[in-house]
N, C-alpha and C. Protein backbone atom coordinates (compact mmCIF):
# COMPACT_ATOMS: atom_id res chain seq x y z
N MET A 1 19.31 -18.82 -7.56
CA MET A 1 19.06 -17.88 -6.47
C MET A 1 17.61 -18.04 -6.00
N GLU A 2 17.44 -18.07 -4.72
CA GLU A 2 16.13 -18.24 -4.12
C GLU A 2 15.37 -16.91 -4.16
N SER A 3 14.08 -16.98 -4.46
CA SER A 3 13.26 -15.77 -4.52
C SER A 3 13.06 -15.21 -3.12
N GLN A 4 13.23 -13.92 -3.01
CA GLN A 4 12.95 -13.23 -1.76
C GLN A 4 11.57 -12.60 -1.90
N ILE A 5 10.67 -12.99 -1.02
CA ILE A 5 9.29 -12.52 -1.08
C ILE A 5 9.04 -11.51 0.03
N LYS A 6 8.54 -10.36 -0.35
CA LYS A 6 8.11 -9.34 0.61
C LYS A 6 6.60 -9.45 0.71
N THR A 7 6.08 -9.60 1.92
CA THR A 7 4.65 -9.74 2.13
C THR A 7 4.10 -8.48 2.80
N VAL A 8 3.01 -7.97 2.23
CA VAL A 8 2.33 -6.81 2.80
C VAL A 8 0.88 -7.20 3.05
N ASN A 9 0.41 -6.98 4.26
CA ASN A 9 -0.98 -7.26 4.63
C ASN A 9 -1.75 -5.95 4.69
N ARG A 10 -2.93 -5.96 4.09
CA ARG A 10 -3.74 -4.73 4.06
C ARG A 10 -5.19 -5.09 4.34
N ASN A 11 -5.79 -4.42 5.32
CA ASN A 11 -7.21 -4.56 5.61
C ASN A 11 -7.93 -3.38 4.99
N ILE A 12 -9.06 -3.66 4.35
CA ILE A 12 -9.83 -2.56 3.78
C ILE A 12 -11.25 -2.61 4.31
N ALA A 13 -11.88 -1.47 4.34
CA ALA A 13 -13.26 -1.39 4.79
C ALA A 13 -14.09 -0.83 3.65
N LYS A 14 -14.41 0.43 3.71
CA LYS A 14 -15.23 1.04 2.66
C LYS A 14 -14.43 2.05 1.85
N SER A 15 -13.14 1.84 1.74
CA SER A 15 -12.28 2.76 1.01
C SER A 15 -12.52 2.67 -0.49
N GLU A 16 -12.39 3.78 -1.17
CA GLU A 16 -12.52 3.80 -2.62
C GLU A 16 -11.16 3.73 -3.29
N LYS A 17 -10.13 4.19 -2.59
CA LYS A 17 -8.76 4.15 -3.12
C LYS A 17 -7.87 3.68 -1.97
N CYS A 18 -7.09 2.65 -2.23
CA CYS A 18 -6.23 2.09 -1.18
C CYS A 18 -4.79 2.04 -1.66
N ARG A 19 -3.90 1.89 -0.70
CA ARG A 19 -2.48 1.83 -1.01
C ARG A 19 -1.83 0.73 -0.20
N CYS A 20 -0.92 0.00 -0.85
CA CYS A 20 -0.08 -0.98 -0.16
C CYS A 20 1.35 -0.48 -0.25
N LYS A 21 1.90 -0.13 0.88
CA LYS A 21 3.27 0.39 0.93
C LYS A 21 4.24 -0.79 1.07
N TYR A 22 5.26 -0.84 0.22
CA TYR A 22 6.19 -1.96 0.23
C TYR A 22 7.65 -1.58 0.42
N GLY A 23 8.01 -0.32 0.33
CA GLY A 23 9.40 0.08 0.48
C GLY A 23 10.15 0.05 -0.84
N LYS A 24 11.43 -0.25 -0.81
CA LYS A 24 12.26 -0.27 -2.02
C LYS A 24 12.19 -1.64 -2.69
N PRO A 25 11.86 -1.69 -4.00
CA PRO A 25 11.74 -2.98 -4.68
C PRO A 25 13.07 -3.67 -4.96
N ILE A 26 14.19 -3.08 -4.58
CA ILE A 26 15.49 -3.73 -4.80
C ILE A 26 15.80 -4.75 -3.70
N ARG A 27 15.00 -4.78 -2.65
CA ARG A 27 15.27 -5.68 -1.51
C ARG A 27 14.51 -6.99 -1.58
N PHE A 28 13.75 -7.21 -2.67
CA PHE A 28 12.99 -8.44 -2.82
C PHE A 28 12.75 -8.72 -4.30
N ASN A 29 12.41 -9.96 -4.63
CA ASN A 29 12.14 -10.36 -6.01
C ASN A 29 10.64 -10.38 -6.30
N ILE A 30 9.85 -10.73 -5.29
CA ILE A 30 8.41 -10.87 -5.45
C ILE A 30 7.70 -10.14 -4.32
N LEU A 31 6.68 -9.38 -4.69
CA LEU A 31 5.85 -8.72 -3.69
C LEU A 31 4.54 -9.48 -3.61
N GLN A 32 4.19 -9.92 -2.40
CA GLN A 32 2.91 -10.59 -2.17
C GLN A 32 2.04 -9.67 -1.34
N LEU A 33 0.83 -9.41 -1.85
CA LEU A 33 -0.13 -8.55 -1.16
C LEU A 33 -1.28 -9.40 -0.67
N ASN A 34 -1.54 -9.35 0.62
CA ASN A 34 -2.67 -10.05 1.22
C ASN A 34 -3.69 -8.99 1.61
N ILE A 35 -4.81 -8.98 0.91
CA ILE A 35 -5.83 -7.96 1.12
C ILE A 35 -7.04 -8.60 1.78
N THR A 36 -7.39 -8.09 2.96
CA THR A 36 -8.49 -8.65 3.74
C THR A 36 -9.67 -7.70 3.74
N TYR A 37 -10.83 -8.28 3.42
CA TYR A 37 -12.08 -7.53 3.47
C TYR A 37 -13.13 -8.44 4.09
N ASN A 38 -13.79 -7.96 5.11
CA ASN A 38 -14.89 -8.69 5.75
C ASN A 38 -14.45 -10.09 6.21
N GLY A 39 -13.24 -10.20 6.72
CA GLY A 39 -12.74 -11.46 7.26
C GLY A 39 -12.17 -12.44 6.24
N GLU A 40 -12.24 -12.11 4.94
CA GLU A 40 -11.70 -12.98 3.90
C GLU A 40 -10.49 -12.32 3.26
N THR A 41 -9.44 -13.13 3.04
CA THR A 41 -8.20 -12.61 2.49
C THR A 41 -7.99 -13.12 1.07
N SER A 42 -7.62 -12.21 0.18
CA SER A 42 -7.23 -12.53 -1.18
C SER A 42 -5.76 -12.18 -1.31
N SER A 43 -4.99 -13.05 -1.98
CA SER A 43 -3.56 -12.83 -2.12
C SER A 43 -3.19 -12.60 -3.59
N TYR A 44 -2.25 -11.70 -3.79
CA TYR A 44 -1.80 -11.32 -5.13
C TYR A 44 -0.28 -11.25 -5.12
N GLN A 45 0.34 -11.49 -6.28
CA GLN A 45 1.79 -11.38 -6.39
C GLN A 45 2.16 -10.61 -7.64
N ILE A 46 3.30 -9.93 -7.54
CA ILE A 46 3.89 -9.23 -8.67
C ILE A 46 5.41 -9.31 -8.52
N GLU A 47 6.10 -9.48 -9.64
CA GLU A 47 7.57 -9.49 -9.61
C GLU A 47 8.07 -8.07 -9.40
N ALA A 48 9.11 -7.94 -8.61
CA ALA A 48 9.64 -6.62 -8.27
C ALA A 48 10.13 -5.86 -9.50
N LYS A 49 10.54 -6.57 -10.54
CA LYS A 49 11.03 -5.88 -11.74
C LYS A 49 9.93 -5.05 -12.42
N HIS A 50 8.66 -5.30 -12.09
CA HIS A 50 7.56 -4.54 -12.66
C HIS A 50 7.13 -3.36 -11.78
N LEU A 51 7.81 -3.17 -10.66
CA LEU A 51 7.52 -2.06 -9.76
C LEU A 51 8.46 -0.91 -10.04
N SER A 52 7.96 0.30 -9.93
CA SER A 52 8.77 1.49 -10.16
C SER A 52 9.81 1.65 -9.05
N PRO A 53 11.07 1.87 -9.42
CA PRO A 53 12.09 2.11 -8.39
C PRO A 53 11.93 3.47 -7.72
N ASP A 54 11.10 4.33 -8.31
CA ASP A 54 10.88 5.67 -7.77
C ASP A 54 9.71 5.76 -6.80
N LYS A 55 8.98 4.65 -6.64
CA LYS A 55 7.81 4.65 -5.76
C LYS A 55 7.99 3.58 -4.69
N ASP A 56 7.15 3.67 -3.66
CA ASP A 56 7.25 2.70 -2.57
C ASP A 56 5.92 2.04 -2.25
N SER A 57 4.93 2.20 -3.17
CA SER A 57 3.62 1.63 -2.90
C SER A 57 2.83 1.41 -4.19
N ILE A 58 1.80 0.57 -4.07
CA ILE A 58 0.88 0.28 -5.17
C ILE A 58 -0.50 0.78 -4.75
N TYR A 59 -1.19 1.40 -5.69
CA TYR A 59 -2.56 1.85 -5.45
C TYR A 59 -3.54 0.90 -6.12
N PHE A 60 -4.69 0.72 -5.46
CA PHE A 60 -5.75 -0.09 -6.04
C PHE A 60 -7.10 0.45 -5.60
N TYR A 61 -8.12 0.03 -6.33
CA TYR A 61 -9.46 0.54 -6.12
C TYR A 61 -10.40 -0.65 -5.88
N PRO A 62 -10.79 -0.88 -4.62
CA PRO A 62 -11.66 -2.02 -4.31
C PRO A 62 -13.14 -1.67 -4.53
N SER A 63 -13.89 -2.68 -4.90
CA SER A 63 -15.35 -2.53 -4.98
C SER A 63 -15.97 -3.87 -4.60
N ILE A 64 -17.18 -3.80 -4.09
CA ILE A 64 -17.89 -5.00 -3.67
C ILE A 64 -19.05 -5.21 -4.64
N LYS A 65 -19.05 -6.37 -5.29
CA LYS A 65 -20.12 -6.72 -6.22
C LYS A 65 -20.66 -8.08 -5.84
N ASN A 66 -21.95 -8.13 -5.55
CA ASN A 66 -22.61 -9.36 -5.11
C ASN A 66 -21.91 -9.97 -3.90
N GLY A 67 -21.45 -9.11 -2.99
CA GLY A 67 -20.79 -9.56 -1.77
C GLY A 67 -19.35 -10.00 -1.95
N GLN A 68 -18.81 -9.89 -3.17
CA GLN A 68 -17.44 -10.31 -3.45
C GLN A 68 -16.54 -9.08 -3.68
N LEU A 69 -15.33 -9.17 -3.17
CA LEU A 69 -14.36 -8.10 -3.36
C LEU A 69 -13.77 -8.18 -4.76
N GLU A 70 -13.80 -7.06 -5.46
CA GLU A 70 -13.14 -6.96 -6.77
C GLU A 70 -12.14 -5.83 -6.67
N ILE A 71 -10.98 -6.04 -7.28
CA ILE A 71 -9.92 -5.04 -7.20
C ILE A 71 -9.51 -4.61 -8.59
N GLN A 72 -9.46 -3.30 -8.76
CA GLN A 72 -8.92 -2.73 -9.99
C GLN A 72 -7.57 -2.13 -9.61
N TRP A 73 -6.52 -2.63 -10.24
CA TRP A 73 -5.17 -2.18 -9.93
C TRP A 73 -4.82 -0.95 -10.75
N ASN A 74 -3.92 -0.15 -10.22
CA ASN A 74 -3.40 1.00 -10.93
C ASN A 74 -2.82 0.53 -12.27
N GLU A 75 -2.96 1.35 -13.30
CA GLU A 75 -2.51 0.99 -14.65
C GLU A 75 -1.07 0.49 -14.70
N GLU A 76 -0.19 1.05 -13.90
CA GLU A 76 1.23 0.68 -13.93
C GLU A 76 1.47 -0.80 -13.67
N VAL A 77 0.63 -1.41 -12.84
CA VAL A 77 0.87 -2.80 -12.44
C VAL A 77 -0.22 -3.77 -12.88
N ALA A 78 -1.31 -3.26 -13.42
CA ALA A 78 -2.48 -4.09 -13.72
C ALA A 78 -2.16 -5.32 -14.58
N ASP A 79 -1.26 -5.19 -15.53
CA ASP A 79 -0.94 -6.32 -16.42
C ASP A 79 0.00 -7.33 -15.78
N TYR A 80 0.61 -7.00 -14.67
CA TYR A 80 1.65 -7.85 -14.08
C TYR A 80 1.28 -8.52 -12.76
N ILE A 81 0.23 -8.04 -12.13
CA ILE A 81 -0.14 -8.59 -10.82
C ILE A 81 -1.14 -9.72 -11.01
N HIS A 82 -0.95 -10.80 -10.25
CA HIS A 82 -1.77 -12.00 -10.42
C HIS A 82 -2.30 -12.48 -9.08
N LYS A 83 -3.53 -12.93 -9.09
CA LYS A 83 -4.13 -13.50 -7.89
C LYS A 83 -3.57 -14.90 -7.69
N ILE A 84 -3.25 -15.23 -6.42
CA ILE A 84 -2.72 -16.56 -6.12
C ILE A 84 -3.64 -17.26 -5.14
């Protein structure tokens, strides 16, 4: 079976807490998040089986250190989400 990838694009500015809304995780196998800050995009993926069926979004906390975007993911997904 071919993987169905759901892609969500999110632009952030000076937010301390952000959310990526993805809908129902039963409609895809992999969630890809493209997070853009200051014109640069970082991409992350997580398998849908690690997403809660009771929620429709992932929360994260961005910070800028030495001009680089760093993301701290919500505890529920932190061990399963990977930068690509």
